[in-house]
mmCIF file of all heavy atoms, coordinates in Angstrom:
data_MODEL
# 
_entry.id   MODEL 
# 
loop_
_atom_site.group_PDB 
_atom_site.id 
_atom_site.type_symbol 
_atom_site.label_atom_id 
_atom_site.label_alt_id 
_atom_site.label_comp_id 
_atom_site.label_asym_id 
_atom_site.label_entity_id 
_atom_site.label_seq_id 
_atom_site.pdbx_PDB_ins_code 
_atom_site.Cartn_x 
_atom_site.Cartn_y 
_atom_site.Cartn_z 
_atom_site.occupancy 
_atom_site.B_iso_or_equiv 
_atom_site.pdbx_formal_charge 
_atom_site.auth_seq_id 
_atom_site.auth_comp_id 
_atom_site.auth_asym_id 
_atom_site.auth_atom_id 
_atom_site.pdbx_PDB_model_num 
ATOM 1   N N   . THR A 1 1  ? -21.512 -21.013 0.776   1.00 0.00 ? 1  THR A N   1 
ATOM 2   C CA  . THR A 1 1  ? -21.461 -21.803 -0.450  1.00 0.00 ? 1  THR A CA  1 
ATOM 3   C C   . THR A 1 1  ? -20.190 -21.480 -1.218  1.00 0.00 ? 1  THR A C   1 
ATOM 4   O O   . THR A 1 1  ? -19.850 -20.308 -1.395  1.00 0.00 ? 1  THR A O   1 
ATOM 5   C CB  . THR A 1 1  ? -22.672 -21.492 -1.356  1.00 0.00 ? 1  THR A CB  1 
ATOM 6   O OG1 . THR A 1 1  ? -23.878 -21.713 -0.625  1.00 0.00 ? 1  THR A OG1 1 
ATOM 7   C CG2 . THR A 1 1  ? -22.656 -22.367 -2.602  1.00 0.00 ? 1  THR A CG2 1 
ATOM 8   N N   . LEU A 1 2  ? -19.494 -22.513 -1.657  1.00 0.00 ? 2  LEU A N   1 
ATOM 9   C CA  . LEU A 1 2  ? -18.319 -22.350 -2.508  1.00 0.00 ? 2  LEU A CA  1 
ATOM 10  C C   . LEU A 1 2  ? -18.551 -23.172 -3.772  1.00 0.00 ? 2  LEU A C   1 
ATOM 11  O O   . LEU A 1 2  ? -18.809 -24.381 -3.687  1.00 0.00 ? 2  LEU A O   1 
ATOM 12  C CB  . LEU A 1 2  ? -17.049 -22.815 -1.803  1.00 0.00 ? 2  LEU A CB  1 
ATOM 13  C CG  . LEU A 1 2  ? -16.675 -22.061 -0.523  1.00 0.00 ? 2  LEU A CG  1 
ATOM 14  C CD1 . LEU A 1 2  ? -17.270 -22.756 0.699   1.00 0.00 ? 2  LEU A CD1 1 
ATOM 15  C CD2 . LEU A 1 2  ? -15.162 -21.969 -0.364  1.00 0.00 ? 2  LEU A CD2 1 
ATOM 16  N N   . ALA A 1 3  ? -18.476 -22.526 -4.932  1.00 0.00 ? 3  ALA A N   1 
ATOM 17  C CA  . ALA A 1 3  ? -18.816 -23.244 -6.153  1.00 0.00 ? 3  ALA A CA  1 
ATOM 18  C C   . ALA A 1 3  ? -18.202 -22.587 -7.388  1.00 0.00 ? 3  ALA A C   1 
ATOM 19  O O   . ALA A 1 3  ? -18.217 -21.355 -7.522  1.00 0.00 ? 3  ALA A O   1 
ATOM 20  C CB  . ALA A 1 3  ? -20.333 -23.317 -6.318  1.00 0.00 ? 3  ALA A CB  1 
ATOM 21  N N   . TYR A 1 4  ? -17.680 -23.407 -8.271  1.00 0.00 ? 4  TYR A N   1 
ATOM 22  C CA  . TYR A 1 4  ? -17.197 -22.951 -9.575  1.00 0.00 ? 4  TYR A CA  1 
ATOM 23  C C   . TYR A 1 4  ? -18.400 -22.596 -10.442 1.00 0.00 ? 4  TYR A C   1 
ATOM 24  O O   . TYR A 1 4  ? -19.464 -23.201 -10.329 1.00 0.00 ? 4  TYR A O   1 
ATOM 25  C CB  . TYR A 1 4  ? -16.387 -24.059 -10.234 1.00 0.00 ? 4  TYR A CB  1 
ATOM 26  C CG  . TYR A 1 4  ? -15.907 -23.742 -11.627 1.00 0.00 ? 4  TYR A CG  1 
ATOM 27  C CD1 . TYR A 1 4  ? -14.962 -22.743 -11.840 1.00 0.00 ? 4  TYR A CD1 1 
ATOM 28  C CD2 . TYR A 1 4  ? -16.389 -24.450 -12.727 1.00 0.00 ? 4  TYR A CD2 1 
ATOM 29  C CE1 . TYR A 1 4  ? -14.502 -22.460 -13.130 1.00 0.00 ? 4  TYR A CE1 1 
ATOM 30  C CE2 . TYR A 1 4  ? -15.935 -24.178 -14.016 1.00 0.00 ? 4  TYR A CE2 1 
ATOM 31  C CZ  . TYR A 1 4  ? -14.998 -23.181 -14.204 1.00 0.00 ? 4  TYR A CZ  1 
ATOM 32  O OH  . TYR A 1 4  ? -14.554 -22.891 -15.479 1.00 0.00 ? 4  TYR A OH  1 
ATOM 33  N N   . ASN A 1 5  ? -18.220 -21.592 -11.300 1.00 0.00 ? 5  ASN A N   1 
ATOM 34  C CA  . ASN A 1 5  ? -19.291 -21.196 -12.211 1.00 0.00 ? 5  ASN A CA  1 
ATOM 35  C C   . ASN A 1 5  ? -18.811 -21.400 -13.645 1.00 0.00 ? 5  ASN A C   1 
ATOM 36  O O   . ASN A 1 5  ? -17.863 -20.741 -14.088 1.00 0.00 ? 5  ASN A O   1 
ATOM 37  C CB  . ASN A 1 5  ? -19.680 -19.738 -11.962 1.00 0.00 ? 5  ASN A CB  1 
ATOM 38  C CG  . ASN A 1 5  ? -20.920 -19.325 -12.722 1.00 0.00 ? 5  ASN A CG  1 
ATOM 39  O OD1 . ASN A 1 5  ? -20.911 -19.241 -13.934 1.00 0.00 ? 5  ASN A OD1 1 
ATOM 40  N ND2 . ASN A 1 5  ? -22.000 -19.046 -11.999 1.00 0.00 ? 5  ASN A ND2 1 
ATOM 41  N N   . GLU A 1 6  ? -19.454 -22.304 -14.355 1.00 0.00 ? 6  GLU A N   1 
ATOM 42  C CA  . GLU A 1 6  ? -19.038 -22.678 -15.710 1.00 0.00 ? 6  GLU A CA  1 
ATOM 43  C C   . GLU A 1 6  ? -19.030 -21.498 -16.678 1.00 0.00 ? 6  GLU A C   1 
ATOM 44  O O   . GLU A 1 6  ? -18.179 -21.414 -17.565 1.00 0.00 ? 6  GLU A O   1 
ATOM 45  C CB  . GLU A 1 6  ? -19.956 -23.778 -16.260 1.00 0.00 ? 6  GLU A CB  1 
ATOM 46  C CG  . GLU A 1 6  ? -19.838 -25.110 -15.560 1.00 0.00 ? 6  GLU A CG  1 
ATOM 47  C CD  . GLU A 1 6  ? -18.627 -25.912 -16.036 1.00 0.00 ? 6  GLU A CD  1 
ATOM 48  O OE1 . GLU A 1 6  ? -17.920 -25.433 -16.939 1.00 0.00 ? 6  GLU A OE1 1 
ATOM 49  O OE2 . GLU A 1 6  ? -18.404 -27.008 -15.489 1.00 0.00 ? 6  GLU A OE2 1 
ATOM 50  N N   . ALA A 1 7  ? -19.984 -20.587 -16.502 1.00 0.00 ? 7  ALA A N   1 
ATOM 51  C CA  . ALA A 1 7  ? -20.080 -19.450 -17.418 1.00 0.00 ? 7  ALA A CA  1 
ATOM 52  C C   . ALA A 1 7  ? -19.187 -18.290 -17.000 1.00 0.00 ? 7  ALA A C   1 
ATOM 53  O O   . ALA A 1 7  ? -18.475 -17.698 -17.817 1.00 0.00 ? 7  ALA A O   1 
ATOM 54  C CB  . ALA A 1 7  ? -21.542 -18.982 -17.511 1.00 0.00 ? 7  ALA A CB  1 
ATOM 55  N N   . GLU A 1 8  ? -19.213 -17.974 -15.704 1.00 0.00 ? 8  GLU A N   1 
ATOM 56  C CA  . GLU A 1 8  ? -18.518 -16.773 -15.237 1.00 0.00 ? 8  GLU A CA  1 
ATOM 57  C C   . GLU A 1 8  ? -17.057 -17.002 -14.856 1.00 0.00 ? 8  GLU A C   1 
ATOM 58  O O   . GLU A 1 8  ? -16.245 -16.077 -14.921 1.00 0.00 ? 8  GLU A O   1 
ATOM 59  C CB  . GLU A 1 8  ? -19.265 -16.182 -14.035 1.00 0.00 ? 8  GLU A CB  1 
ATOM 60  C CG  . GLU A 1 8  ? -20.709 -15.781 -14.333 1.00 0.00 ? 8  GLU A CG  1 
ATOM 61  C CD  . GLU A 1 8  ? -20.789 -14.694 -15.395 1.00 0.00 ? 8  GLU A CD  1 
ATOM 62  O OE1 . GLU A 1 8  ? -20.596 -13.521 -15.048 1.00 0.00 ? 8  GLU A OE1 1 
ATOM 63  O OE2 . GLU A 1 8  ? -21.022 -15.044 -16.577 1.00 0.00 ? 8  GLU A OE2 1 
ATOM 64  N N   . GLY A 1 9  ? -16.715 -18.239 -14.458 1.00 0.00 ? 9  GLY A N   1 
ATOM 65  C CA  . GLY A 1 9  ? -15.339 -18.528 -14.076 1.00 0.00 ? 9  GLY A CA  1 
ATOM 66  C C   . GLY A 1 9  ? -14.335 -18.216 -15.171 1.00 0.00 ? 9  GLY A C   1 
ATOM 67  O O   . GLY A 1 9  ? -13.353 -17.492 -14.943 1.00 0.00 ? 9  GLY A O   1 
ATOM 68  N N   . PRO A 1 10 ? -14.532 -18.726 -16.390 1.00 0.00 ? 10 PRO A N   1 
ATOM 69  C CA  . PRO A 1 10 ? -13.594 -18.425 -17.472 1.00 0.00 ? 10 PRO A CA  1 
ATOM 70  C C   . PRO A 1 10 ? -13.541 -16.932 -17.808 1.00 0.00 ? 10 PRO A C   1 
ATOM 71  O O   . PRO A 1 10 ? -12.474 -16.408 -18.142 1.00 0.00 ? 10 PRO A O   1 
ATOM 72  C CB  . PRO A 1 10 ? -14.152 -19.234 -18.649 1.00 0.00 ? 10 PRO A CB  1 
ATOM 73  C CG  . PRO A 1 10 ? -14.896 -20.367 -18.007 1.00 0.00 ? 10 PRO A CG  1 
ATOM 74  C CD  . PRO A 1 10 ? -15.513 -19.764 -16.778 1.00 0.00 ? 10 PRO A CD  1 
ATOM 75  N N   . LYS A 1 11 ? -14.671 -16.250 -17.699 1.00 0.00 ? 11 LYS A N   1 
ATOM 76  C CA  . LYS A 1 11 ? -14.681 -14.802 -17.959 1.00 0.00 ? 11 LYS A CA  1 
ATOM 77  C C   . LYS A 1 11 ? -13.808 -14.076 -16.945 1.00 0.00 ? 11 LYS A C   1 
ATOM 78  O O   . LYS A 1 11 ? -13.040 -13.177 -17.303 1.00 0.00 ? 11 LYS A O   1 
ATOM 79  C CB  . LYS A 1 11 ? -16.118 -14.254 -17.871 1.00 0.00 ? 11 LYS A CB  1 
ATOM 80  C CG  . LYS A 1 11 ? -17.058 -14.704 -18.969 1.00 0.00 ? 11 LYS A CG  1 
ATOM 81  C CD  . LYS A 1 11 ? -18.427 -14.082 -18.750 1.00 0.00 ? 11 LYS A CD  1 
ATOM 82  C CE  . LYS A 1 11 ? -19.442 -14.589 -19.745 1.00 0.00 ? 11 LYS A CE  1 
ATOM 83  N NZ  . LYS A 1 11 ? -20.797 -14.010 -19.474 1.00 0.00 ? 11 LYS A NZ  1 
ATOM 84  N N   . ALA A 1 12 ? -13.950 -14.459 -15.696 1.00 0.00 ? 12 ALA A N   1 
ATOM 85  C CA  . ALA A 1 12 ? -13.180 -13.813 -14.635 1.00 0.00 ? 12 ALA A CA  1 
ATOM 86  C C   . ALA A 1 12 ? -11.684 -14.048 -14.824 1.00 0.00 ? 12 ALA A C   1 
ATOM 87  O O   . ALA A 1 12 ? -10.869 -13.129 -14.668 1.00 0.00 ? 12 ALA A O   1 
ATOM 88  C CB  . ALA A 1 12 ? -13.632 -14.318 -13.271 1.00 0.00 ? 12 ALA A CB  1 
ATOM 89  N N   . ARG A 1 13 ? -11.311 -15.273 -15.145 1.00 0.00 ? 13 ARG A N   1 
ATOM 90  C CA  . ARG A 1 13 ? -9.898  -15.569 -15.362 1.00 0.00 ? 13 ARG A CA  1 
ATOM 91  C C   . ARG A 1 13 ? -9.347  -14.757 -16.529 1.00 0.00 ? 13 ARG A C   1 
ATOM 92  O O   . ARG A 1 13 ? -8.241  -14.219 -16.461 1.00 0.00 ? 13 ARG A O   1 
ATOM 93  C CB  . ARG A 1 13 ? -9.699  -17.061 -15.597 1.00 0.00 ? 13 ARG A CB  1 
ATOM 94  C CG  . ARG A 1 13 ? -9.948  -17.909 -14.347 1.00 0.00 ? 13 ARG A CG  1 
ATOM 95  C CD  . ARG A 1 13 ? -9.344  -19.287 -14.497 1.00 0.00 ? 13 ARG A CD  1 
ATOM 96  N NE  . ARG A 1 13 ? -9.943  -20.018 -15.620 1.00 0.00 ? 13 ARG A NE  1 
ATOM 97  C CZ  . ARG A 1 13 ? -10.982 -20.827 -15.511 1.00 0.00 ? 13 ARG A CZ  1 
ATOM 98  N NH1 . ARG A 1 13 ? -11.561 -21.005 -14.320 1.00 0.00 ? 13 ARG A NH1 1 
ATOM 99  N NH2 . ARG A 1 13 ? -11.452 -21.461 -16.553 1.00 0.00 ? 13 ARG A NH2 1 
ATOM 100 N N   . ALA A 1 14 ? -10.137 -14.664 -17.597 1.00 0.00 ? 14 ALA A N   1 
ATOM 101 C CA  . ALA A 1 14 ? -9.703  -13.878 -18.764 1.00 0.00 ? 14 ALA A CA  1 
ATOM 102 C C   . ALA A 1 14 ? -9.564  -12.405 -18.397 1.00 0.00 ? 14 ALA A C   1 
ATOM 103 O O   . ALA A 1 14 ? -8.600  -11.738 -18.809 1.00 0.00 ? 14 ALA A O   1 
ATOM 104 C CB  . ALA A 1 14 ? -10.696 -14.052 -19.910 1.00 0.00 ? 14 ALA A CB  1 
ATOM 105 N N   . ASP A 1 15 ? -10.510 -11.879 -17.627 1.00 0.00 ? 15 ASP A N   1 
ATOM 106 C CA  . ASP A 1 15 ? -10.450 -10.480 -17.205 1.00 0.00 ? 15 ASP A CA  1 
ATOM 107 C C   . ASP A 1 15 ? -9.220  -10.221 -16.340 1.00 0.00 ? 15 ASP A C   1 
ATOM 108 O O   . ASP A 1 15 ? -8.543  -9.202  -16.483 1.00 0.00 ? 15 ASP A O   1 
ATOM 109 C CB  . ASP A 1 15 ? -11.716 -10.114 -16.418 1.00 0.00 ? 15 ASP A CB  1 
ATOM 110 C CG  . ASP A 1 15 ? -12.953 -10.016 -17.296 1.00 0.00 ? 15 ASP A CG  1 
ATOM 111 O OD1 . ASP A 1 15 ? -12.814 -9.851  -18.517 1.00 0.00 ? 15 ASP A OD1 1 
ATOM 112 O OD2 . ASP A 1 15 ? -14.070 -10.117 -16.743 1.00 0.00 ? 15 ASP A OD2 1 
ATOM 113 N N   . ALA A 1 16 ? -8.938  -11.158 -15.436 1.00 0.00 ? 16 ALA A N   1 
ATOM 114 C CA  . ALA A 1 16 ? -7.787  -10.992 -14.543 1.00 0.00 ? 16 ALA A CA  1 
ATOM 115 C C   . ALA A 1 16 ? -6.483  -11.008 -15.331 1.00 0.00 ? 16 ALA A C   1 
ATOM 116 O O   . ALA A 1 16 ? -5.601  -10.161 -15.122 1.00 0.00 ? 16 ALA A O   1 
ATOM 117 C CB  . ALA A 1 16 ? -7.782  -12.096 -13.489 1.00 0.00 ? 16 ALA A CB  1 
ATOM 118 N N   . LEU A 1 17 ? -6.351  -11.964 -16.233 1.00 0.00 ? 17 LEU A N   1 
ATOM 119 C CA  . LEU A 1 17 ? -5.115  -12.073 -17.007 1.00 0.00 ? 17 LEU A CA  1 
ATOM 120 C C   . LEU A 1 17 ? -4.928  -10.876 -17.936 1.00 0.00 ? 17 LEU A C   1 
ATOM 121 O O   . LEU A 1 17 ? -3.804  -10.404 -18.139 1.00 0.00 ? 17 LEU A O   1 
ATOM 122 C CB  . LEU A 1 17 ? -5.108  -13.381 -17.795 1.00 0.00 ? 17 LEU A CB  1 
ATOM 123 C CG  . LEU A 1 17 ? -5.112  -14.657 -16.939 1.00 0.00 ? 17 LEU A CG  1 
ATOM 124 C CD1 . LEU A 1 17 ? -5.158  -15.890 -17.818 1.00 0.00 ? 17 LEU A CD1 1 
ATOM 125 C CD2 . LEU A 1 17 ? -3.896  -14.710 -16.020 1.00 0.00 ? 17 LEU A CD2 1 
ATOM 126 N N   . GLU A 1 18 ? -6.013  -10.371 -18.482 1.00 0.00 ? 18 GLU A N   1 
ATOM 127 C CA  . GLU A 1 18 ? -5.921  -9.187  -19.337 1.00 0.00 ? 18 GLU A CA  1 
ATOM 128 C C   . GLU A 1 18 ? -5.463  -7.975  -18.538 1.00 0.00 ? 18 GLU A C   1 
ATOM 129 O O   . GLU A 1 18 ? -4.697  -7.143  -19.032 1.00 0.00 ? 18 GLU A O   1 
ATOM 130 C CB  . GLU A 1 18 ? -7.283  -8.906  -19.985 1.00 0.00 ? 18 GLU A CB  1 
ATOM 131 C CG  . GLU A 1 18 ? -7.257  -7.818  -21.044 1.00 0.00 ? 18 GLU A CG  1 
ATOM 132 C CD  . GLU A 1 18 ? -6.282  -8.116  -22.186 1.00 0.00 ? 18 GLU A CD  1 
ATOM 133 O OE1 . GLU A 1 18 ? -6.208  -9.285  -22.603 1.00 0.00 ? 18 GLU A OE1 1 
ATOM 134 O OE2 . GLU A 1 18 ? -5.594  -7.159  -22.636 1.00 0.00 ? 18 GLU A OE2 1 
ATOM 135 N N   . PHE A 1 19 ? -5.922  -7.882  -17.290 1.00 0.00 ? 19 PHE A N   1 
ATOM 136 C CA  . PHE A 1 19 ? -5.480  -6.784  -16.422 1.00 0.00 ? 19 PHE A CA  1 
ATOM 137 C C   . PHE A 1 19 ? -3.971  -6.836  -16.211 1.00 0.00 ? 19 PHE A C   1 
ATOM 138 O O   . PHE A 1 19 ? -3.277  -5.825  -16.337 1.00 0.00 ? 19 PHE A O   1 
ATOM 139 C CB  . PHE A 1 19 ? -6.195  -6.871  -15.068 1.00 0.00 ? 19 PHE A CB  1 
ATOM 140 C CG  . PHE A 1 19 ? -5.627  -5.958  -14.020 1.00 0.00 ? 19 PHE A CG  1 
ATOM 141 C CD1 . PHE A 1 19 ? -5.836  -4.587  -14.067 1.00 0.00 ? 19 PHE A CD1 1 
ATOM 142 C CD2 . PHE A 1 19 ? -4.866  -6.478  -12.969 1.00 0.00 ? 19 PHE A CD2 1 
ATOM 143 C CE1 . PHE A 1 19 ? -5.313  -3.737  -13.098 1.00 0.00 ? 19 PHE A CE1 1 
ATOM 144 C CE2 . PHE A 1 19 ? -4.338  -5.635  -11.993 1.00 0.00 ? 19 PHE A CE2 1 
ATOM 145 C CZ  . PHE A 1 19 ? -4.557  -4.266  -12.066 1.00 0.00 ? 19 PHE A CZ  1 
ATOM 146 N N   . PHE A 1 20 ? -3.451  -8.016  -15.912 1.00 0.00 ? 20 PHE A N   1 
ATOM 147 C CA  . PHE A 1 20 ? -2.014  -8.128  -15.664 1.00 0.00 ? 20 PHE A CA  1 
ATOM 148 C C   . PHE A 1 20 ? -1.203  -7.910  -16.937 1.00 0.00 ? 20 PHE A C   1 
ATOM 149 O O   . PHE A 1 20 ? -0.118  -7.305  -16.889 1.00 0.00 ? 20 PHE A O   1 
ATOM 150 C CB  . PHE A 1 20 ? -1.694  -9.480  -15.031 1.00 0.00 ? 20 PHE A CB  1 
ATOM 151 C CG  . PHE A 1 20 ? -2.143  -9.589  -13.599 1.00 0.00 ? 20 PHE A CG  1 
ATOM 152 C CD1 . PHE A 1 20 ? -3.104  -10.514 -13.222 1.00 0.00 ? 20 PHE A CD1 1 
ATOM 153 C CD2 . PHE A 1 20 ? -1.620  -8.753  -12.630 1.00 0.00 ? 20 PHE A CD2 1 
ATOM 154 C CE1 . PHE A 1 20 ? -3.522  -10.615 -11.905 1.00 0.00 ? 20 PHE A CE1 1 
ATOM 155 C CE2 . PHE A 1 20 ? -2.039  -8.830  -11.304 1.00 0.00 ? 20 PHE A CE2 1 
ATOM 156 C CZ  . PHE A 1 20 ? -2.990  -9.766  -10.943 1.00 0.00 ? 20 PHE A CZ  1 
ATOM 157 N N   . LYS A 1 21 ? -1.710  -8.380  -18.064 1.00 0.00 ? 21 LYS A N   1 
ATOM 158 C CA  . LYS A 1 21 ? -1.018  -8.140  -19.333 1.00 0.00 ? 21 LYS A CA  1 
ATOM 159 C C   . LYS A 1 21 ? -0.926  -6.648  -19.616 1.00 0.00 ? 21 LYS A C   1 
ATOM 160 O O   . LYS A 1 21 ? 0.127   -6.133  -20.013 1.00 0.00 ? 21 LYS A O   1 
ATOM 161 C CB  . LYS A 1 21 ? -1.747  -8.860  -20.470 1.00 0.00 ? 21 LYS A CB  1 
ATOM 162 C CG  . LYS A 1 21 ? -1.562  -10.364 -20.472 1.00 0.00 ? 21 LYS A CG  1 
ATOM 163 C CD  . LYS A 1 21 ? -2.499  -11.039 -21.473 1.00 0.00 ? 21 LYS A CD  1 
ATOM 164 C CE  . LYS A 1 21 ? -2.210  -10.635 -22.894 1.00 0.00 ? 21 LYS A CE  1 
ATOM 165 N NZ  . LYS A 1 21 ? -3.089  -11.362 -23.850 1.00 0.00 ? 21 LYS A NZ  1 
ATOM 166 N N   . SER A 1 22 ? -2.022  -5.945  -19.408 1.00 0.00 ? 22 SER A N   1 
ATOM 167 C CA  . SER A 1 22 ? -2.041  -4.494  -19.627 1.00 0.00 ? 22 SER A CA  1 
ATOM 168 C C   . SER A 1 22 ? -1.149  -3.771  -18.621 1.00 0.00 ? 22 SER A C   1 
ATOM 169 O O   . SER A 1 22 ? -0.397  -2.853  -18.985 1.00 0.00 ? 22 SER A O   1 
ATOM 170 C CB  . SER A 1 22 ? -3.476  -3.972  -19.529 1.00 0.00 ? 22 SER A CB  1 
ATOM 171 O OG  . SER A 1 22 ? -3.510  -2.562  -19.643 1.00 0.00 ? 22 SER A OG  1 
ATOM 172 N N   . LEU A 1 23 ? -1.215  -4.197  -17.364 1.00 0.00 ? 23 LEU A N   1 
ATOM 173 C CA  . LEU A 1 23 ? -0.429  -3.578  -16.306 1.00 0.00 ? 23 LEU A CA  1 
ATOM 174 C C   . LEU A 1 23 ? 1.063   -3.671  -16.593 1.00 0.00 ? 23 LEU A C   1 
ATOM 175 O O   . LEU A 1 23 ? 1.807   -2.715  -16.358 1.00 0.00 ? 23 LEU A O   1 
ATOM 176 C CB  . LEU A 1 23 ? -0.756  -4.249  -14.974 1.00 0.00 ? 23 LEU A CB  1 
ATOM 177 C CG  . LEU A 1 23 ? -0.118  -3.670  -13.710 1.00 0.00 ? 23 LEU A CG  1 
ATOM 178 C CD1 . LEU A 1 23 ? -0.703  -2.291  -13.385 1.00 0.00 ? 23 LEU A CD1 1 
ATOM 179 C CD2 . LEU A 1 23 ? -0.331  -4.619  -12.524 1.00 0.00 ? 23 LEU A CD2 1 
ATOM 180 N N   . PHE A 1 24 ? 1.479   -4.827  -17.116 1.00 0.00 ? 24 PHE A N   1 
ATOM 181 C CA  . PHE A 1 24 ? 2.910   -5.068  -17.329 1.00 0.00 ? 24 PHE A CA  1 
ATOM 182 C C   . PHE A 1 24 ? 3.354   -4.802  -18.778 1.00 0.00 ? 24 PHE A C   1 
ATOM 183 O O   . PHE A 1 24 ? 4.528   -5.008  -19.116 1.00 0.00 ? 24 PHE A O   1 
ATOM 184 C CB  . PHE A 1 24 ? 3.254   -6.510  -16.965 1.00 0.00 ? 24 PHE A CB  1 
ATOM 185 C CG  . PHE A 1 24 ? 3.052   -6.832  -15.504 1.00 0.00 ? 24 PHE A CG  1 
ATOM 186 C CD1 . PHE A 1 24 ? 2.520   -8.057  -15.116 1.00 0.00 ? 24 PHE A CD1 1 
ATOM 187 C CD2 . PHE A 1 24 ? 3.394   -5.923  -14.517 1.00 0.00 ? 24 PHE A CD2 1 
ATOM 188 C CE1 . PHE A 1 24 ? 2.337   -8.366  -13.771 1.00 0.00 ? 24 PHE A CE1 1 
ATOM 189 C CE2 . PHE A 1 24 ? 3.217   -6.231  -13.165 1.00 0.00 ? 24 PHE A CE2 1 
ATOM 190 C CZ  . PHE A 1 24 ? 2.691   -7.456  -12.798 1.00 0.00 ? 24 PHE A CZ  1 
ATOM 191 N N   . GLY A 1 25 ? 2.414   -4.377  -19.607 1.00 0.00 ? 25 GLY A N   1 
ATOM 192 C CA  . GLY A 1 25 ? 2.764   -4.073  -20.998 1.00 0.00 ? 25 GLY A CA  1 
ATOM 193 C C   . GLY A 1 25 ? 3.111   -5.305  -21.812 1.00 0.00 ? 25 GLY A C   1 
ATOM 194 O O   . GLY A 1 25 ? 3.987   -5.265  -22.687 1.00 0.00 ? 25 GLY A O   1 
# 
């Protein structure tokens, strides 16, 4: 099964971007 998740998808993207922002200062 491959499926977008309306609730968790945006959270995951935000978590990923925050990681890279922190990593790169």
